[in-house]
């Protein structure tokens, strides 16, 4: 995971012309949190990080949809629609619903973090990271819902046709 985060931060921050600061922030915070858990050898932190990585179940569907869109395979394509539904379903379960549950579980099991000083130090920063990730995921989910509605209703295509007619 460390290599992926470093690579993606580099690509997003230095090579992309249109910067996505939400993604950059998400990856930097995730990388720092992940490394802190590893460096301080905190078992409960590592456990909760592994649960958080379940959120990545939506990533393959996101990448497939990006590729299909870049190849011009998004319009009126049943496979693209199915991939989109899989993305939304995975995102809903593993990012929107699982995030608050992990937050609740972590806070409910705060005693696990009292085993060592290293774990005690990491408890509240990890709570803050989880809250930030949950907020970012809600923003992204709203964007995904908007794109799905736009794709299903064809409103983007209608806007393009109307723009061409007025020119």
Foldseek 3Di string as FASTA:
>chain_A
DLVVLVVVLCCQVPPDPDHDVLSNVLSVLLNVQVVLCVVLVQVVSVVLNVLLCLLCVLVVLVVVLVVCVVVVNQAPHPVNLVSLVVNLVSLCVSQQVSLVVSLVVLVVVVVSQVPDPSSVVSSVSVNVSSVSSNVSSVVVSVVSVVVSVCRVVVVVVVVVVVVVVVD
